[in-house]
Amino acid sequence: MTPAQLRRLCLKFAHAEQTFPFGPETSVFKVHGKMFALTQLERKPLKVSLKCQPELGIELRGTYAEIEPGYHLNKRHWLTVTCGGSVPDELVRELVAESYDLVAAAARR
């Protein structure tokens, strides 16, 4: 997955927006004012932090070396995924969608 593909993917969801609260190099994608993805699009390798269900996070971290607990985030609910390794792009797309769904549902409550 390229940085441009990741950015397009994050912005395709309803009410998604790209913000830069930590400076111009860090993209924070939000829905209803709540973060669902965090990345530095210019960083190599490309990494993205995403919210996930705790049980799924445990399973994924045990399966892929490129999926780690969320960097500087709640390690129980967030993952950091390194793109371009053994993690298939389709799984990255699914994880972005799941993160968006989790955050959007919580924001609507």
PDB file of N, CA and C in Angstrom:
ATOM      1  N   MET A   1       0.849  -1.175   0.000  1.00  0.00           N
ATOM      2  CA  MET A   1       0.000   0.000   0.000  1.00  0.00           C
ATOM      3  C   MET A   1       0.894   1.237   0.000  1.00  0.00           C
ATOM      4  N   THR A   2       0.559   2.153  -0.866  1.00  0.00           N
ATOM      5  CA  THR A   2       1.325   3.396  -0.955  1.00  0.00           C
ATOM      6  C   THR A   2       0.717   4.446  -0.026  1.00  0.00           C
ATOM      7  N   PRO A   3       1.471   5.485   0.291  1.00  0.00           N
ATOM      8  CA  PRO A   3       0.907   6.570   1.101  1.00  0.00           C
ATOM      9  C   PRO A   3      -0.347   7.182   0.460  1.00  0.00           C
ATOM     10  N   ALA A   4      -0.329   7.371  -0.849  1.00  0.00           N
ATOM     11  CA  ALA A   4      -1.496   7.950  -1.531  1.00  0.00           C
ATOM     12  C   ALA A   4      -2.706   7.034  -1.422  1.00  0.00           C
ATOM     13  N   GLN A   5      -2.496   5.734  -1.551  1.00  0.00           N
ATOM     14  CA  GLN A   5      -3.605   4.784  -1.420  1.00  0.00           C
ATOM     15  C   GLN A   5      -4.169   4.803  -0.001  1.00  0.00           C
ATOM     16  N   LEU A   6      -3.280   4.859   0.992  1.00  0.00           N
ATOM     17  CA  LEU A   6      -3.730   4.900   2.387  1.00  0.00           C
ATOM     18  C   LEU A   6      -4.533   6.174   2.648  1.00  0.00           C
ATOM     19  N   ARG A   7      -4.050   7.293   2.167  1.00  0.00           N
ATOM     20  CA  ARG A   7      -4.761   8.559   2.360  1.00  0.00           C
ATOM     21  C   ARG A   7      -6.139   8.509   1.707  1.00  0.00           C
ATOM     22  N   ARG A   8      -6.216   8.046   0.452  1.00  0.00           N
ATOM     23  CA  ARG A   8      -7.514   7.940  -0.241  1.00  0.00           C
ATOM     24  C   ARG A   8      -8.459   7.014   0.510  1.00  0.00           C
ATOM     25  N   LEU A   9      -7.929   5.907   0.986  1.00  0.00           N
ATOM     26  CA  LEU A   9      -8.749   4.946   1.721  1.00  0.00           C
ATOM     27  C   LEU A   9      -9.341   5.595   2.972  1.00  0.00           C
ATOM     28  N   CYS A  10      -8.524   6.267   3.740  1.00  0.00           N
ATOM     29  CA  CYS A  10      -8.999   6.890   4.977  1.00  0.00           C
ATOM     30  C   CYS A  10     -10.036   7.977   4.717  1.00  0.00           C
ATOM     31  N   LEU A  11      -9.897   8.675   3.606  1.00  0.00           N
ATOM     32  CA  LEU A  11     -10.816   9.779   3.314  1.00  0.00           C
ATOM     33  C   LEU A  11     -12.081   9.354   2.588  1.00  0.00           C
ATOM     34  N   LYS A  12     -12.189   8.080   2.198  1.00  0.00           N
ATOM     35  CA  LYS A  12     -13.371   7.639   1.460  1.00  0.00           C
ATOM     36  C   LYS A  12     -14.594   7.428   2.360  1.00  0.00           C
ATOM     37  N   PHE A  13     -14.377   7.350   3.655  1.00  0.00           N
ATOM     38  CA  PHE A  13     -15.473   7.084   4.580  1.00  0.00           C
ATOM     39  C   PHE A  13     -16.273   8.357   4.858  1.00  0.00           C
ATOM     40  N   ALA A  14     -17.548   8.178   5.138  1.00  0.00           N
ATOM     41  CA  ALA A  14     -18.434   9.314   5.421  1.00  0.00           C
ATOM     42  C   ALA A  14     -17.909  10.127   6.598  1.00  0.00           C
ATOM     43  N   HIS A  15     -17.862  11.438   6.435  1.00  0.00           N
ATOM     44  CA  HIS A  15     -17.460  12.391   7.472  1.00  0.00           C
ATOM     45  C   HIS A  15     -15.991  12.276   7.887  1.00  0.00           C
ATOM     46  N   ALA A  16     -15.184  11.548   7.123  1.00  0.00           N
ATOM     47  CA  ALA A  16     -13.757  11.425   7.450  1.00  0.00           C
ATOM     48  C   ALA A  16     -13.041  12.699   7.051  1.00  0.00           C
ATOM     49  N   GLU A  17     -12.070  13.081   7.873  1.00  0.00           N
ATOM     50  CA  GLU A  17     -11.269  14.259   7.577  1.00  0.00           C
ATOM     51  C   GLU A  17      -9.823  14.006   7.976  1.00  0.00           C
ATOM     52  N   GLN A  18      -8.917  14.681   7.284  1.00  0.00           N
ATOM     53  CA  GLN A  18      -7.499  14.603   7.590  1.00  0.00           C
ATOM     54  C   GLN A  18      -7.115  15.866   8.346  1.00  0.00           C
ATOM     55  N   THR A  19      -6.490  15.682   9.510  1.00  0.00           N
ATOM     56  CA  THR A  19      -6.066  16.818  10.321  1.00  0.00           C
ATOM     57  C   THR A  19      -4.583  16.661  10.654  1.00  0.00           C
ATOM     58  N   PHE A  20      -3.986  17.738  11.163  1.00  0.00           N
ATOM     59  CA  PHE A  20      -2.554  17.747  11.465  1.00  0.00           C
ATOM     60  C   PHE A  20      -2.300  18.353  12.850  1.00  0.00           C
ATOM     61  N   PRO A  21      -2.872  17.780  13.911  1.00  0.00           N
ATOM     62  CA  PRO A  21      -2.705  18.375  15.245  1.00  0.00           C
ATOM     63  C   PRO A  21      -1.299  18.245  15.817  1.00  0.00           C
ATOM     64  N   PHE A  22      -0.488  17.339  15.263  1.00  0.00           N
ATOM     65  CA  PHE A  22       0.868  17.124  15.772  1.00  0.00           C
ATOM     66  C   PHE A  22       1.928  17.694  14.843  1.00  0.00           C
ATOM     67  N   GLY A  23       1.515  18.499  13.871  1.00  0.00           N
ATOM     68  CA  GLY A  23       2.443  19.084  12.914  1.00  0.00           C
ATOM     69  C   GLY A  23       2.180  18.559  11.520  1.00  0.00           C
ATOM     70  N   PRO A  24       2.804  19.176  10.515  1.00  0.00           N
ATOM     71  CA  PRO A  24       2.497  18.860   9.124  1.00  0.00           C
ATOM     72  C   PRO A  24       2.932  17.466   8.669  1.00  0.00           C
ATOM     73  N   GLU A  25       3.804  16.814   9.418  1.00  0.00           N
ATOM     74  CA  GLU A  25       4.278  15.500   8.992  1.00  0.00           C
ATOM     75  C   GLU A  25       3.395  14.342   9.480  1.00  0.00           C
ATOM     76  N   THR A  26       2.487  14.597  10.399  1.00  0.00           N
ATOM     77  CA  THR A  26       1.658  13.530  10.963  1.00  0.00           C
ATOM     78  C   THR A  26       0.195  13.746  10.602  1.00  0.00           C
ATOM     79  N   SER A  27      -0.341  12.811   9.825  1.00  0.00           N
ATOM     80  CA  SER A  27      -1.748  12.858   9.427  1.00  0.00           C
ATOM     81  C   SER A  27      -2.588  12.107  10.448  1.00  0.00           C
ATOM     82  N   VAL A  28      -3.620  12.780  10.941  1.00  0.00           N
ATOM     83  CA  VAL A  28      -4.577  12.164  11.844  1.00  0.00           C
ATOM     84  C   VAL A  28      -5.919  12.176  11.124  1.00  0.00           C
ATOM     85  N   PHE A  29      -6.445  10.992  10.865  1.00  0.00           N
ATOM     86  CA  PHE A  29      -7.728  10.872  10.190  1.00  0.00           C
ATOM     87  C   PHE A  29      -8.801  10.687  11.250  1.00  0.00           C
ATOM     88  N   LYS A  30      -9.834  11.516  11.158  1.00  0.00           N
ATOM     89  CA  LYS A  30     -10.882  11.546  12.183  1.00  0.00           C
ATOM     90  C   LYS A  30     -12.256  11.378  11.564  1.00  0.00           C
ATOM     91  N   VAL A  31     -13.176  10.894  12.386  1.00  0.00           N
ATOM     92  CA  VAL A  31     -14.590  10.874  12.060  1.00  0.00           C
ATOM     93  C   VAL A  31     -15.314  11.451  13.271  1.00  0.00           C
ATOM     94  N   HIS A  32     -16.170  12.420  13.044  1.00  0.00           N
ATOM     95  CA  HIS A  32     -16.896  13.101  14.122  1.00  0.00           C
ATOM     96  C   HIS A  32     -15.936  13.599  15.212  1.00  0.00           C
ATOM     97  N   GLY A  33     -14.765  14.076  14.786  1.00  0.00           N
ATOM     98  CA  GLY A  33     -13.799  14.647  15.714  1.00  0.00           C
ATOM     99  C   GLY A  33     -12.962  13.636  16.478  1.00  0.00           C
ATOM    100  N   LYS A  34     -13.112  12.347  16.198  1.00  0.00           N
ATOM    101  CA  LYS A  34     -12.371  11.303  16.905  1.00  0.00           C
ATOM    102  C   LYS A  34     -11.428  10.576  15.944  1.00  0.00           C
ATOM    103  N   MET A  35     -10.221  10.313  16.391  1.00  0.00           N
ATOM    104  CA  MET A  35      -9.192   9.687  15.562  1.00  0.00           C
ATOM    105  C   MET A  35      -9.497   8.221  15.279  1.00  0.00           C
ATOM    106  N   PHE A  36      -9.349   7.824  13.994  1.00  0.00           N
ATOM    107  CA  PHE A  36      -9.430   6.405  13.650  1.00  0.00           C
ATOM    108  C   PHE A  36      -8.158   5.900  12.961  1.00  0.00           C
ATOM    109  N   ALA A  37      -7.291   6.813  12.516  1.00  0.00           N
ATOM    110  CA  ALA A  37      -6.015   6.409  11.909  1.00  0.00           C
ATOM    111  C   ALA A  37      -4.982   7.513  12.130  1.00  0.00           C
ATOM    112  N   LEU A  38      -3.754   7.085  12.340  1.00  0.00           N
ATOM    113  CA  LEU A  38      -2.639   8.004  12.590  1.00  0.00           C
ATOM    114  C   LEU A  38      -1.453   7.505  11.780  1.00  0.00           C
ATOM    115  N   THR A  39      -0.857   8.388  10.978  1.00  0.00           N
ATOM    116  CA  THR A  39       0.255   7.962  10.141  1.00  0.00           C
ATOM    117  C   THR A  39       1.143   9.142   9.765  1.00  0.00           C
ATOM    118  N   GLN A  40       2.358   8.822   9.404  1.00  0.00           N
ATOM    119  CA  GLN A  40       3.258   9.793   8.778  1.00  0.00           C
ATOM    120  C   GLN A  40       3.422   9.312   7.342  1.00  0.00           C
ATOM    121  N   LEU A  41       2.687   9.930   6.428  1.00  0.00           N
ATOM    122  CA  LEU A  41       2.610   9.452   5.053  1.00  0.00           C
ATOM    123  C   LEU A  41       3.949   9.483   4.332  1.00  0.00           C
ATOM    124  N   GLU A  42       4.878  10.314   4.767  1.00  0.00           N
ATOM    125  CA  GLU A  42       6.192  10.399   4.117  1.00  0.00           C
ATOM    126  C   GLU A  42       7.219   9.448   4.723  1.00  0.00           C
ATOM    127  N   ARG A  43       6.855   8.782   5.791  1.00  0.00           N
ATOM    128  CA  ARG A  43       7.793   7.895   6.487  1.00  0.00           C
ATOM    129  C   ARG A  43       7.997   6.594   5.711  1.00  0.00           C
ATOM    130  N   LYS A  44       9.237   6.113   5.752  1.00  0.00           N
ATOM    131  CA  LYS A  44       9.536   4.824   5.139  1.00  0.00           C
ATOM    132  C   LYS A  44      10.184   3.935   6.178  1.00  0.00           C
ATOM    133  N   PRO A  45       9.662   2.772   6.447  1.00  0.00           N
ATOM    134  CA  PRO A  45       8.464   2.224   5.836  1.00  0.00           C
ATOM    135  C   PRO A  45       7.200   2.924   6.351  1.00  0.00           C
ATOM    136  N   LEU A  46       6.158   2.838   5.549  1.00  0.00           N
ATOM    137  CA  LEU A  46       4.873   3.420   5.905  1.00  0.00           C
ATOM    138  C   LEU A  46       4.258   2.634   7.057  1.00  0.00           C
ATOM    139  N   LYS A  47       3.851   3.351   8.095  1.00  0.00           N
ATOM    140  CA  LYS A  47       3.179   2.734   9.243  1.00  0.00           C
ATOM    141  C   LYS A  47       1.883   3.474   9.485  1.00  0.00           C
ATOM    142  N   VAL A  48       0.888   2.744   9.987  1.00  0.00           N
ATOM    143  CA  VAL A  48      -0.393   3.353  10.332  1.00  0.00           C
ATOM    144  C   VAL A  48      -0.878   2.733  11.638  1.00  0.00           C
ATOM    145  N   SER A  49      -1.364   3.585  12.528  1.00  0.00           N
ATOM    146  CA  SER A  49      -1.943   3.116  13.793  1.00  0.00           C
ATOM    147  C   SER A  49      -3.454   3.152  13.663  1.00  0.00           C
ATOM    148  N   LEU A  50      -4.091   2.056  14.111  1.00  0.00           N
ATOM    149  CA  LEU A  50      -5.526   1.868  13.941  1.00  0.00           C
ATOM    150  C   LEU A  50      -6.145   1.269  15.186  1.00  0.00           C
ATOM    151  N   LYS A  51      -7.381   1.622  15.436  1.00  0.00           N
ATOM    152  CA  LYS A  51      -8.110   1.058  16.567  1.00  0.00           C
ATOM    153  C   LYS A  51      -8.627  -0.327  16.173  1.00  0.00           C
ATOM    154  N   CYS A  52      -8.685  -1.243  17.136  1.00  0.00           N
ATOM    155  CA  CYS A  52      -9.218  -2.584  16.850  1.00  0.00           C
ATOM    156  C   CYS A  52      -9.787  -3.194  18.124  1.00  0.00           C
ATOM    157  N   GLN A  53     -10.530  -4.259  17.936  1.00  0.00           N
ATOM    158  CA  GLN A  53     -11.040  -5.025  19.075  1.00  0.00           C
ATOM    159  C   GLN A  53      -9.836  -5.682  19.769  1.00  0.00           C
ATOM    160  N   PRO A  54      -9.789  -5.677  21.102  1.00  0.00           N
ATOM    161  CA  PRO A  54      -8.626  -6.236  21.805  1.00  0.00           C
ATOM    162  C   PRO A  54      -8.286  -7.679  21.421  1.00  0.00           C
ATOM    163  N   GLU A  55      -9.297  -8.527  21.263  1.00  0.00           N
ATOM    164  CA  GLU A  55      -9.037  -9.934  20.929  1.00  0.00           C
ATOM    165  C   GLU A  55      -8.401 -10.061  19.550  1.00  0.00           C
ATOM    166  N   LEU A  56      -8.886  -9.270  18.600  1.00  0.00           N
ATOM    167  CA  LEU A  56      -8.313  -9.297  17.258  1.00  0.00           C
ATOM    168  C   LEU A  56      -6.869  -8.791  17.289  1.00  0.00           C
ATOM    169  N   GLY A  57      -6.617  -7.770  18.071  1.00  0.00           N
ATOM    170  CA  GLY A  57      -5.269  -7.243  18.188  1.00  0.00           C
ATOM    171  C   GLY A  57      -4.285  -8.282  18.679  1.00  0.00           C
ATOM    172  N   ILE A  58      -4.678  -9.048  19.666  1.00  0.00           N
ATOM    173  CA  ILE A  58      -3.819 -10.111  20.196  1.00  0.00           C
ATOM    174  C   ILE A  58      -3.526 -11.133  19.107  1.00  0.00           C
ATOM    175  N   GLU A  59      -4.562 -11.535  18.385  1.00  0.00           N
ATOM    176  CA  GLU A  59      -4.405 -12.521  17.312  1.00  0.00           C
ATOM    177  C   GLU A  59      -3.475 -12.005  16.207  1.00  0.00           C
ATOM    178  N   LEU A  60      -3.686 -10.771  15.783  1.00  0.00           N
ATOM    179  CA  LEU A  60      -2.884 -10.212  14.698  1.00  0.00           C
ATOM    180  C   LEU A  60      -1.426 -10.014  15.100  1.00  0.00           C
ATOM    181  N   ARG A  61      -1.196  -9.561  16.328  1.00  0.00           N
ATOM    182  CA  ARG A  61       0.182  -9.388  16.797  1.00  0.00           C
ATOM    183  C   ARG A  61       0.909 -10.726  16.881  1.00  0.00           C
ATOM    184  N   GLY A  62       0.164 -11.797  17.154  1.00  0.00           N
ATOM    185  CA  GLY A  62       0.763 -13.126  17.193  1.00  0.00           C
ATOM    186  C   GLY A  62       1.009 -13.723  15.820  1.00  0.00           C
ATOM    187  N   THR A  63       0.352 -13.167  14.798  1.00  0.00           N
ATOM    188  CA  THR A  63       0.454 -13.696  13.440  1.00  0.00           C
ATOM    189  C   THR A  63       1.465 -12.946  12.584  1.00  0.00           C
ATOM    190  N   TYR A  64       1.535 -11.632  12.729  1.00  0.00           N
ATOM    191  CA  TYR A  64       2.381 -10.798  11.864  1.00  0.00           C
ATOM    192  C   TYR A  64       3.396 -10.018  12.689  1.00  0.00           C
ATOM    193  N   ALA A  65       4.667 -10.142  12.321  1.00  0.00           N
ATOM    194  CA  ALA A  65       5.717  -9.381  12.992  1.00  0.00           C
ATOM    195  C   ALA A  65       5.556  -7.884  12.758  1.00  0.00           C
ATOM    196  N   GLU A  66       4.921  -7.503  11.642  1.00  0.00           N
ATOM    197  CA  GLU A  66       4.750  -6.086  11.281  1.00  0.00           C
ATOM    198  C   GLU A  66       3.545  -5.436  11.962  1.00  0.00           C
ATOM    199  N   ILE A  67       2.844  -6.176  12.815  1.00  0.00           N
ATOM    200  CA  ILE A  67       1.731  -5.600  13.567  1.00  0.00           C
ATOM    201  C   ILE A  67       2.131  -5.608  15.039  1.00  0.00           C
ATOM    202  N   GLU A  68       2.203  -4.408  15.593  1.00  0.00           N
ATOM    203  CA  GLU A  68       2.672  -4.218  16.964  1.00  0.00           C
ATOM    204  C   GLU A  68       1.622  -3.459  17.768  1.00  0.00           C
ATOM    205  N   PRO A  69       1.757  -3.458  19.087  1.00  0.00           N
ATOM    206  CA  PRO A  69       0.861  -2.607  19.882  1.00  0.00           C
ATOM    207  C   PRO A  69       0.986  -1.153  19.427  1.00  0.00           C
ATOM    208  N   GLY A  70      -0.087  -0.406  19.530  1.00  0.00           N
ATOM    209  CA  GLY A  70      -0.107   0.985  19.067  1.00  0.00           C
ATOM    210  C   GLY A  70       0.995   1.822  19.684  1.00  0.00           C
ATOM    211  N   TYR A  71       1.756   2.475  18.845  1.00  0.00           N
ATOM    212  CA  TYR A  71       2.857   3.327  19.292  1.00  0.00           C
ATOM    213  C   TYR A  71       2.287   4.580  19.945  1.00  0.00           C
ATOM    214  N   HIS A  72       2.611   4.806  21.208  1.00  0.00           N
ATOM    215  CA  HIS A  72       2.131   5.952  21.987  1.00  0.00           C
ATOM    216  C   HIS A  72       0.604   6.007  22.086  1.00  0.00           C
ATOM    217  N   LEU A  73      -0.030   4.843  22.031  1.00  0.00           N
ATOM    218  CA  LEU A  73      -1.488   4.750  22.124  1.00  0.00           C
ATOM    219  C   LEU A  73      -1.838   3.640  23.101  1.00  0.00           C
ATOM    220  N   ASN A  74      -3.109   3.533  23.447  1.00  0.00           N
ATOM    221  CA  ASN A  74      -3.572   2.467  24.324  1.00  0.00           C
ATOM    222  C   ASN A  74      -3.275   1.124  23.653  1.00  0.00           C
ATOM    223  N   LYS A  75      -2.359   0.372  24.199  1.00  0.00           N
ATOM    224  CA  LYS A  75      -1.876  -0.860  23.575  1.00  0.00           C
ATOM    225  C   LYS A  75      -2.948  -1.945  23.503  1.00  0.00           C
ATOM    226  N   ARG A  76      -3.965  -1.842  24.311  1.00  0.00           N
ATOM    227  CA  ARG A  76      -5.051  -2.827  24.272  1.00  0.00           C
ATOM    228  C   ARG A  76      -5.978  -2.595  23.088  1.00  0.00           C
ATOM    229  N   HIS A  77      -6.163  -1.345  22.698  1.00  0.00           N
ATOM    230  CA  HIS A  77      -7.156  -1.009  21.671  1.00  0.00           C
ATOM    231  C   HIS A  77      -6.572  -0.515  20.355  1.00  0.00           C
ATOM    232  N   TRP A  78      -5.252  -0.343  20.274  1.00  0.00           N
ATOM    233  CA  TRP A  78      -4.647   0.214  19.064  1.00  0.00           C
ATOM    234  C   TRP A  78      -3.499  -0.655  18.573  1.00  0.00           C
ATOM    235  N   LEU A  79      -3.376  -0.747  17.258  1.00  0.00           N
ATOM    236  CA  LEU A  79      -2.287  -1.461  16.593  1.00  0.00           C
ATOM    237  C   LEU A  79      -1.488  -0.477  15.752  1.00  0.00           C
ATOM    238  N   THR A  80      -0.222  -0.760  15.558  1.00  0.00           N
ATOM    239  CA  THR A  80       0.565  -0.055  14.561  1.00  0.00           C
ATOM    240  C   THR A  80       0.993  -1.096  13.533  1.00  0.00           C
ATOM    241  N   VAL A  81       0.610  -0.855  12.284  1.00  0.00           N
ATOM    242  CA  VAL A  81       0.863  -1.788  11.183  1.00  0.00           C
ATOM    243  C   VAL A  81       1.923  -1.198  10.272  1.00  0.00           C
ATOM    244  N   THR A  82       2.968  -1.977   9.992  1.00  0.00           N
ATOM    245  CA  THR A  82       3.966  -1.587   9.005  1.00  0.00           C
ATOM    246  C   THR A  82       3.524  -2.157   7.667  1.00  0.00           C
ATOM    247  N   CYS A  83       3.304  -1.277   6.706  1.00  0.00           N
ATOM    248  CA  CYS A  83       2.827  -1.685   5.387  1.00  0.00           C
ATOM    249  C   CYS A  83       3.999  -2.148   4.520  1.00  0.00           C
ATOM    250  N   GLY A  84       3.699  -2.995   3.556  1.00  0.00           N
ATOM    251  CA  GLY A  84       4.699  -3.407   2.585  1.00  0.00           C
ATOM    252  C   GLY A  84       5.456  -4.674   2.939  1.00  0.00           C
ATOM    253  N   GLY A  85       5.171  -5.256   4.080  1.00  0.00           N
ATOM    254  CA  GLY A  85       5.835  -6.502   4.473  1.00  0.00           C
ATOM    255  C   GLY A  85       4.909  -7.685   4.240  1.00  0.00           C
ATOM    256  N   SER A  86       4.785  -8.518   5.244  1.00  0.00           N
ATOM    257  CA  SER A  86       3.957  -9.721   5.095  1.00  0.00           C
ATOM    258  C   SER A  86       2.470  -9.449   5.321  1.00  0.00           C
ATOM    259  N   VAL A  87       2.120  -8.262   5.788  1.00  0.00           N
ATOM    260  CA  VAL A  87       0.709  -7.933   6.009  1.00  0.00           C
ATOM    261  C   VAL A  87       0.085  -7.593   4.652  1.00  0.00           C
ATOM    262  N   PRO A  88      -0.892  -8.393   4.185  1.00  0.00           N
ATOM    263  CA  PRO A  88      -1.498  -8.115   2.883  1.00  0.00           C
ATOM    264  C   PRO A  88      -2.232  -6.768   2.872  1.00  0.00           C
ATOM    265  N   ASP A  89      -2.176  -6.091   1.724  1.00  0.00           N
ATOM    266  CA  ASP A  89      -2.878  -4.812   1.586  1.00  0.00           C
ATOM    267  C   ASP A  89      -4.360  -4.955   1.909  1.00  0.00           C
ATOM    268  N   GLU A  90      -4.951  -6.082   1.534  1.00  0.00           N
ATOM    269  CA  GLU A  90      -6.380  -6.295   1.805  1.00  0.00           C
ATOM    270  C   GLU A  90      -6.641  -6.279   3.310  1.00  0.00           C
ATOM    271  N   LEU A  91      -5.744  -6.869   4.098  1.00  0.00           N
ATOM    272  CA  LEU A  91      -5.905  -6.847   5.553  1.00  0.00           C
ATOM    273  C   LEU A  91      -5.766  -5.420   6.073  1.00  0.00           C
ATOM    274  N   VAL A  92      -4.846  -4.648   5.541  1.00  0.00           N
ATOM    275  CA  VAL A  92      -4.700  -3.248   5.956  1.00  0.00           C
ATOM    276  C   VAL A  92      -6.007  -2.508   5.666  1.00  0.00           C
ATOM    277  N   ARG A  93      -6.583  -2.723   4.480  1.00  0.00           N
ATOM    278  CA  ARG A  93      -7.859  -2.069   4.135  1.00  0.00           C
ATOM    279  C   ARG A  93      -8.957  -2.469   5.117  1.00  0.00           C
ATOM    280  N   GLU A  94      -9.020  -3.750   5.458  1.00  0.00           N
ATOM    281  CA  GLU A  94     -10.027  -4.229   6.418  1.00  0.00           C
ATOM    282  C   GLU A  94      -9.821  -3.602   7.793  1.00  0.00           C
ATOM    283  N   LEU A  95      -8.568  -3.485   8.219  1.00  0.00           N
ATOM    284  CA  LEU A  95      -8.279  -2.901   9.532  1.00  0.00           C
ATOM    285  C   LEU A  95      -8.612  -1.415   9.565  1.00  0.00           C
ATOM    286  N   VAL A  96      -8.361  -0.698   8.476  1.00  0.00           N
ATOM    287  CA  VAL A  96      -8.741   0.719   8.406  1.00  0.00           C
ATOM    288  C   VAL A  96     -10.258   0.840   8.503  1.00  0.00           C
ATOM    289  N   ALA A  97     -10.978   0.010   7.758  1.00  0.00           N
ATOM    290  CA  ALA A  97     -12.443   0.057   7.792  1.00  0.00           C
ATOM    291  C   ALA A  97     -12.982  -0.286   9.177  1.00  0.00           C
ATOM    292  N   GLU A  98     -12.396  -1.284   9.813  1.00  0.00           N
ATOM    293  CA  GLU A  98     -12.849  -1.658  11.152  1.00  0.00           C
ATOM    294  C   GLU A  98     -12.567  -0.535  12.152  1.00  0.00           C
ATOM    295  N   SER A  99     -11.406   0.085  12.057  1.00  0.00           N
ATOM    296  CA  SER A  99     -11.069   1.192  12.938  1.00  0.00           C
ATOM    297  C   SER A  99     -12.082   2.325  12.767  1.00  0.00           C
ATOM    298  N   TYR A 100     -12.355   2.668  11.514  1.00  0.00           N
ATOM    299  CA  TYR A 100     -13.353   3.710  11.234  1.00  0.00           C
ATOM    300  C   TYR A 100     -14.703   3.335  11.856  1.00  0.00           C
ATOM    301  N   ASP A 101     -15.147   2.101  11.635  1.00  0.00           N
ATOM    302  CA  ASP A 101     -16.449   1.658  12.158  1.00  0.00           C
ATOM    303  C   ASP A 101     -16.504   1.735  13.680  1.00  0.00           C
ATOM    304  N   LEU A 102     -15.439   1.293  14.348  1.00  0.00           N
ATOM    305  CA  LEU A 102     -15.409   1.330  15.811  1.00  0.00           C
ATOM    306  C   LEU A 102     -15.500   2.768  16.327  1.00  0.00           C
ATOM    307  N   VAL A 103     -14.729   3.649  15.730  1.00  0.00           N
ATOM    308  CA  VAL A 103     -14.688   5.036  16.194  1.00  0.00           C
ATOM    309  C   VAL A 103     -15.981   5.766  15.840  1.00  0.00           C
ATOM    310  N   ALA A 104     -16.498   5.543  14.633  1.00  0.00           N
ATOM    311  CA  ALA A 104     -17.746   6.207  14.216  1.00  0.00           C
ATOM    312  C   ALA A 104     -18.900   5.775  15.105  1.00  0.00           C
ATOM    313  N   ALA A 105     -18.974   4.497  15.430  1.00  0.00           N
ATOM    314  CA  ALA A 105     -20.057   3.997  16.284  1.00  0.00           C
ATOM    315  C   ALA A 105     -19.961   4.613  17.681  1.00  0.00           C
ATOM    316  N   ALA A 106     -18.769   4.693  18.233  1.00  0.00           N
ATOM    317  CA  ALA A 106     -18.588   5.269  19.566  1.00  0.00           C
ATOM    318  C   ALA A 106     -18.891   6.769  19.557  1.00  0.00           C
ATOM    319  N   ALA A 107     -18.538   7.452  18.473  1.00  0.00           N
ATOM    320  CA  ALA A 107     -18.746   8.891  18.388  1.00  0.00           C
ATOM    321  C   ALA A 107     -20.232   9.239  18.288  1.00  0.00           C
ATOM    322  N   ARG A 108     -21.016   8.334  17.728  1.00  0.00           N
ATOM    323  CA  ARG A 108     -22.466   8.587  17.576  1.00  0.00           C
ATOM    324  C   ARG A 108     -23.225   8.401  18.887  1.00  0.00           C
ATOM    325  N   ARG A 109     -22.613   7.723  19.860  1.00  0.00           N
ATOM    326  CA  ARG A 109     -23.315   7.471  21.140  1.00  0.00           C
ATOM    327  C   ARG A 109     -23.471   8.733  21.940  1.00  0.00           C
TER     328      ARG A 109
END
